[in-house]
Protein backbone atom coordinates (compact mmCIF):
# COMPACT_ATOMS: atom_id res chain seq x y z
CA MET A 1 -8.32 -18.99 -4.91
CA LYS A 2 -7.40 -16.87 -1.91
CA ARG A 3 -10.24 -15.09 -0.11
CA VAL A 4 -8.38 -11.84 -0.62
CA VAL A 5 -9.45 -8.52 -2.08
CA ALA A 6 -6.28 -7.11 -3.67
CA ILE A 7 -6.36 -3.33 -4.08
CA ASP A 8 -3.44 -1.79 -5.94
CA GLY A 9 -2.66 1.63 -7.34
CA PRO A 10 -0.48 4.71 -6.94
CA SER A 11 -0.51 7.15 -4.03
CA GLY A 12 -3.63 9.26 -3.76
CA ALA A 13 -5.82 6.91 -5.81
CA GLY A 14 -8.02 6.13 -2.81
CA LYS A 15 -6.68 2.69 -1.84
CA SER A 16 -6.83 3.14 1.93
CA THR A 17 -10.33 4.66 1.95
CA VAL A 18 -11.72 1.99 -0.36
CA ALA A 19 -9.95 -0.83 1.47
CA ARG A 20 -11.40 0.24 4.82
CA GLY A 21 -14.85 0.55 3.28
CA VAL A 22 -14.73 -2.93 1.77
CA ALA A 23 -13.36 -4.44 4.97
CA ASP A 24 -16.13 -2.82 7.01
CA VAL A 25 -18.85 -4.28 4.78
CA LEU A 26 -17.30 -7.74 4.62
CA GLY A 27 -16.28 -7.80 8.27
CA SER A 28 -12.72 -8.51 7.17
CA SER A 29 -9.33 -7.42 8.38
CA VAL A 30 -7.38 -4.91 6.27
CA LEU A 31 -3.64 -4.71 5.65
CA ASP A 32 -1.85 -1.59 4.40
CA THR A 33 1.33 -2.98 2.84
CA GLY A 34 2.55 0.53 2.08
CA ALA A 35 2.80 1.10 5.83
CA MET A 36 5.00 -1.98 6.04
CA TYR A 37 7.42 -0.63 3.42
CA ARG A 38 7.39 2.79 5.06
CA SER A 39 8.15 1.20 8.44
CA ALA A 40 11.05 -0.75 6.96
CA THR A 41 12.32 2.47 5.37
CA LEU A 42 12.12 4.29 8.69
CA ALA A 43 14.11 1.47 10.29
CA VAL A 44 16.75 1.87 7.57
CA LEU A 45 16.98 5.61 8.25
CA HIS A 46 17.09 5.15 12.04
CA ARG A 47 20.00 2.73 11.73
CA GLY A 48 21.95 5.06 9.46
CA VAL A 49 21.91 2.59 6.57
CA ASP A 50 22.26 3.89 3.02
CA PRO A 51 18.88 3.41 1.29
CA GLU A 52 20.79 2.42 -1.85
CA ASP A 53 22.52 -0.49 -0.06
CA ALA A 54 20.29 -3.39 -1.04
CA GLU A 55 21.83 -6.05 1.19
CA ALA A 56 21.94 -3.85 4.28
CA CYS A 57 18.34 -2.70 3.74
CA ALA A 58 17.19 -6.32 3.46
CA ASP A 59 18.97 -7.13 6.72
CA VAL A 60 17.22 -4.22 8.44
CA ALA A 61 13.81 -5.27 7.07
CA ARG A 62 14.43 -8.83 8.24
CA ALA A 63 15.22 -7.68 11.78
CA ALA A 64 12.49 -5.05 12.05
CA ASP A 65 9.47 -5.81 14.24
CA ILE A 66 6.57 -4.21 12.34
CA ASP A 67 3.21 -4.43 14.08
CA LEU A 68 0.10 -3.05 12.36
CA ARG A 69 -2.51 -4.37 14.77
CA ASP A 70 -3.08 -1.14 16.70
CA GLY A 71 -1.73 1.82 14.79
CA ILE A 72 1.75 1.23 13.38
CA ARG A 73 4.54 0.17 15.69
CA LEU A 74 8.17 -0.35 14.78
CA ASP A 75 10.24 -2.29 17.30
CA GLY A 76 7.61 -1.51 19.92
CA ARG A 77 7.43 2.25 19.22
CA ASP A 78 4.41 4.02 17.72
CA VAL A 79 5.49 5.40 14.32
CA THR A 80 2.05 5.97 12.80
CA THR A 81 2.79 9.63 12.09
CA GLU A 82 6.53 9.40 11.55
CA ILE A 83 6.33 6.97 8.61
CA ARG A 84 4.30 9.55 6.67
CA GLY A 85 6.95 12.25 7.08
CA PRO A 86 9.07 13.70 4.26
CA ALA A 87 12.24 11.74 5.10
CA VAL A 88 10.50 8.39 4.69
CA THR A 89 8.54 9.56 1.65
CA ALA A 90 11.79 10.57 -0.06
CA ALA A 91 13.44 7.18 0.54
CA VAL A 92 10.64 4.61 0.48
CA SER A 93 10.66 3.98 -3.27
CA THR A 94 14.41 3.31 -3.18
CA VAL A 95 14.25 0.96 -0.19
CA SER A 96 11.16 -0.88 -1.41
CA ALA A 97 12.73 -1.53 -4.82
CA HIS A 98 15.33 -3.89 -3.35
CA PRO A 99 14.39 -7.54 -4.06
CA GLY A 100 15.59 -8.63 -0.62
CA VAL A 101 13.36 -6.13 1.15
CA ARG A 102 10.37 -7.14 -0.93
CA ALA A 103 11.00 -10.85 -0.31
CA VAL A 104 10.94 -10.27 3.46
CA LEU A 105 7.76 -8.21 3.46
CA VAL A 106 5.89 -10.26 0.86
CA ALA A 107 6.45 -13.33 3.04
CA ARG A 108 4.99 -11.44 6.02
CA GLN A 109 2.00 -10.29 3.96
CA ARG A 110 1.23 -13.88 2.98
CA GLU A 111 1.61 -14.99 6.59
CA TRP A 112 -0.82 -12.25 7.62
CA ALA A 113 -3.42 -13.43 5.10
CA ASP A 114 -3.05 -17.03 6.23
CA ALA A 115 -3.47 -16.00 9.86
CA HIS A 116 -6.60 -13.93 9.08
CA GLY A 117 -8.17 -16.33 6.60
CA GLY A 118 -7.82 -13.75 3.83
CA GLY A 119 -8.73 -10.09 4.04
CA VAL A 120 -8.54 -6.80 2.19
CA ILE A 121 -4.95 -5.99 1.25
CA GLU A 122 -3.80 -2.79 -0.38
CA GLY A 123 -0.50 -1.97 -2.03
CA ARG A 124 1.23 -1.84 -5.39
CA ASP A 125 1.88 -5.49 -6.26
CA ILE A 126 -0.82 -7.38 -4.38
CA GLY A 127 -2.74 -8.64 -7.40
CA THR A 128 0.32 -9.22 -9.56
CA VAL A 129 2.85 -10.76 -7.15
CA VAL A 130 1.69 -11.24 -3.57
CA PHE A 131 -1.71 -12.79 -4.30
CA PRO A 132 -2.05 -13.53 -8.02
CA ASP A 133 -4.87 -15.93 -6.98
CA ALA A 134 -6.86 -13.25 -5.09
CA ALA A 135 -10.63 -13.56 -5.34
CA VAL A 136 -10.90 -9.96 -6.55
CA LYS A 137 -8.23 -7.69 -7.97
CA VAL A 138 -8.74 -3.95 -8.23
CA PHE A 139 -6.40 -1.27 -9.58
CA LEU A 140 -7.37 2.25 -8.57
CA THR A 141 -6.26 5.35 -10.44
CA ALA A 142 -7.11 9.05 -10.41
CA SER A 143 -5.98 12.13 -12.29
CA ASP A 144 -2.61 13.57 -11.32
CA ALA A 145 -4.27 16.78 -10.13
CA GLU A 146 -6.78 14.93 -7.96
CA ARG A 147 -4.15 12.65 -6.43
CA ALA A 148 -1.97 15.66 -5.62
CA ARG A 149 -4.94 17.43 -4.04
CA ARG A 150 -5.74 14.41 -1.87
CA ARG A 151 -2.16 14.01 -0.73
CA GLN A 152 -1.87 17.70 0.10
CA ARG A 153 -5.07 17.42 2.13
CA ASP A 154 -3.53 14.53 4.06
CA GLU A 155 -0.38 16.55 4.71
CA VAL A 156 -2.38 19.51 5.98
CA ALA A 157 -4.39 17.19 8.24
CA ALA A 158 -1.07 16.00 9.68
CA ALA A 159 -0.02 19.62 10.28
CA ARG A 160 2.55 19.52 7.47
CA GLU A 161 2.07 22.45 5.11
CA VAL A 162 3.06 21.43 1.58
CA ASP A 163 2.48 23.16 -1.73
CA VAL A 164 0.26 21.14 -4.07
CA GLU A 165 2.74 21.47 -6.93
CA ARG A 166 5.50 20.06 -4.77
CA VAL A 167 3.22 17.17 -3.84
CA ARG A 168 2.52 16.52 -7.51
CA GLU A 169 6.22 16.47 -8.33
CA ASP A 170 6.83 13.98 -5.53
CA LEU A 171 3.99 11.75 -6.74
CA ASP A 172 5.41 11.84 -10.27
CA ARG A 173 8.83 10.83 -8.95
CA ARG A 174 7.46 7.94 -6.89
CA ASP A 175 5.20 6.74 -9.72
CA ARG A 176 8.17 6.68 -12.08
CA LEU A 177 10.37 4.79 -9.65
CA ASP A 178 7.67 2.33 -8.59
CA SER A 179 6.47 1.56 -12.12
CA THR A 180 9.96 1.05 -13.58
CA ARG A 181 11.60 -1.01 -10.84
CA LYS A 182 12.68 -4.49 -11.89
CA THR A 183 11.09 -6.31 -8.97
CA SER A 184 7.29 -6.14 -8.57
CA PRO A 185 6.65 -2.93 -10.52
CA LEU A 186 3.50 -0.90 -9.97
CA GLN A 187 1.08 -2.13 -12.62
CA ALA A 188 -2.42 -3.49 -12.96
CA ALA A 189 -2.87 -7.26 -13.08
CA VAL A 190 -4.22 -8.38 -16.44
CA ASP A 191 -7.44 -9.53 -14.76
CA ALA A 192 -7.84 -6.53 -12.45
CA TRP A 193 -10.83 -4.21 -12.45
CA VAL A 194 -9.30 -0.82 -13.25
CA VAL A 195 -11.19 2.10 -11.70
CA ASP A 196 -10.60 5.82 -12.10
CA THR A 197 -11.75 7.32 -8.79
CA THR A 198 -11.32 10.97 -9.80
CA GLU A 199 -15.04 11.67 -9.92
CA LEU A 200 -16.49 8.49 -8.42
CA ALA A 201 -18.14 8.35 -5.01
CA ILE A 202 -16.27 5.94 -2.74
CA PRO A 203 -19.46 4.06 -1.74
CA GLU A 204 -20.01 3.17 -5.42
CA VAL A 205 -16.55 1.65 -5.71
CA VAL A 206 -16.90 -0.20 -2.40
CA ALA A 207 -20.29 -1.64 -3.37
CA GLU A 208 -18.99 -2.93 -6.71
CA ILE A 209 -15.95 -4.57 -5.11
CA VAL A 210 -18.12 -6.23 -2.47
CA GLU A 211 -20.49 -7.51 -5.16
CA ARG A 212 -17.58 -8.93 -7.16
CA TYR A 213 -16.12 -10.58 -4.07
CA ARG A 214 -19.41 -12.21 -3.13
CA ALA A 215 -19.90 -13.45 -6.68
CA ALA A 216 -16.40 -14.92 -6.75
CA THR A 217 -16.52 -16.59 -3.33
CA GLY A 218 -20.19 -17.19 -2.65
CA ALA A 219 -19.80 -15.22 0.58
CA GLN A 220 -22.94 -13.61 1.99
CA THR A 221 -21.29 -11.47 4.70
């Protein structure tokens, strides 16, 4: 069993907020795998590679230096804000669907966990593919309207004005692509705790995950 808390789910379900909360309580490191795929996608766009070209995208991902230790850096440049922009959002599901890209980044995610002795890891295939032996697996969901509202709030906070209906349409598109891809589709692990966060307070979710982790590992931190 890996001392990993695997948190999966679609955009806007609350993965990042919950992951940070759990990591704070446990004193663990946290890894946002979505940021890794977004960084790889940005590298693809910067190099003028066609996002549909699976082999070329895998080559770019393999060569990309993605550093998440202090913000998000791609090949030494801070891209924390840029990876959340519309260009990357439009292409990330296509790039991340390529098996070669996923193989590169999954290997890095496992290396990260080994280096940190486990941790809290969020994404879309953490409990099903990356760490099927995680100590705790959680799949977060929320209503379409609530997820769209949260994402619009994030866009406004980043000074990008976006209509909530447009955000909802984009979420629907990404959900469809991510859940139907052949390699590592977005889905809950059979043994995951599935949580609808639409009306739940984040501290409640964090507390339950921490309790489950401690029960599974015997950890007291």
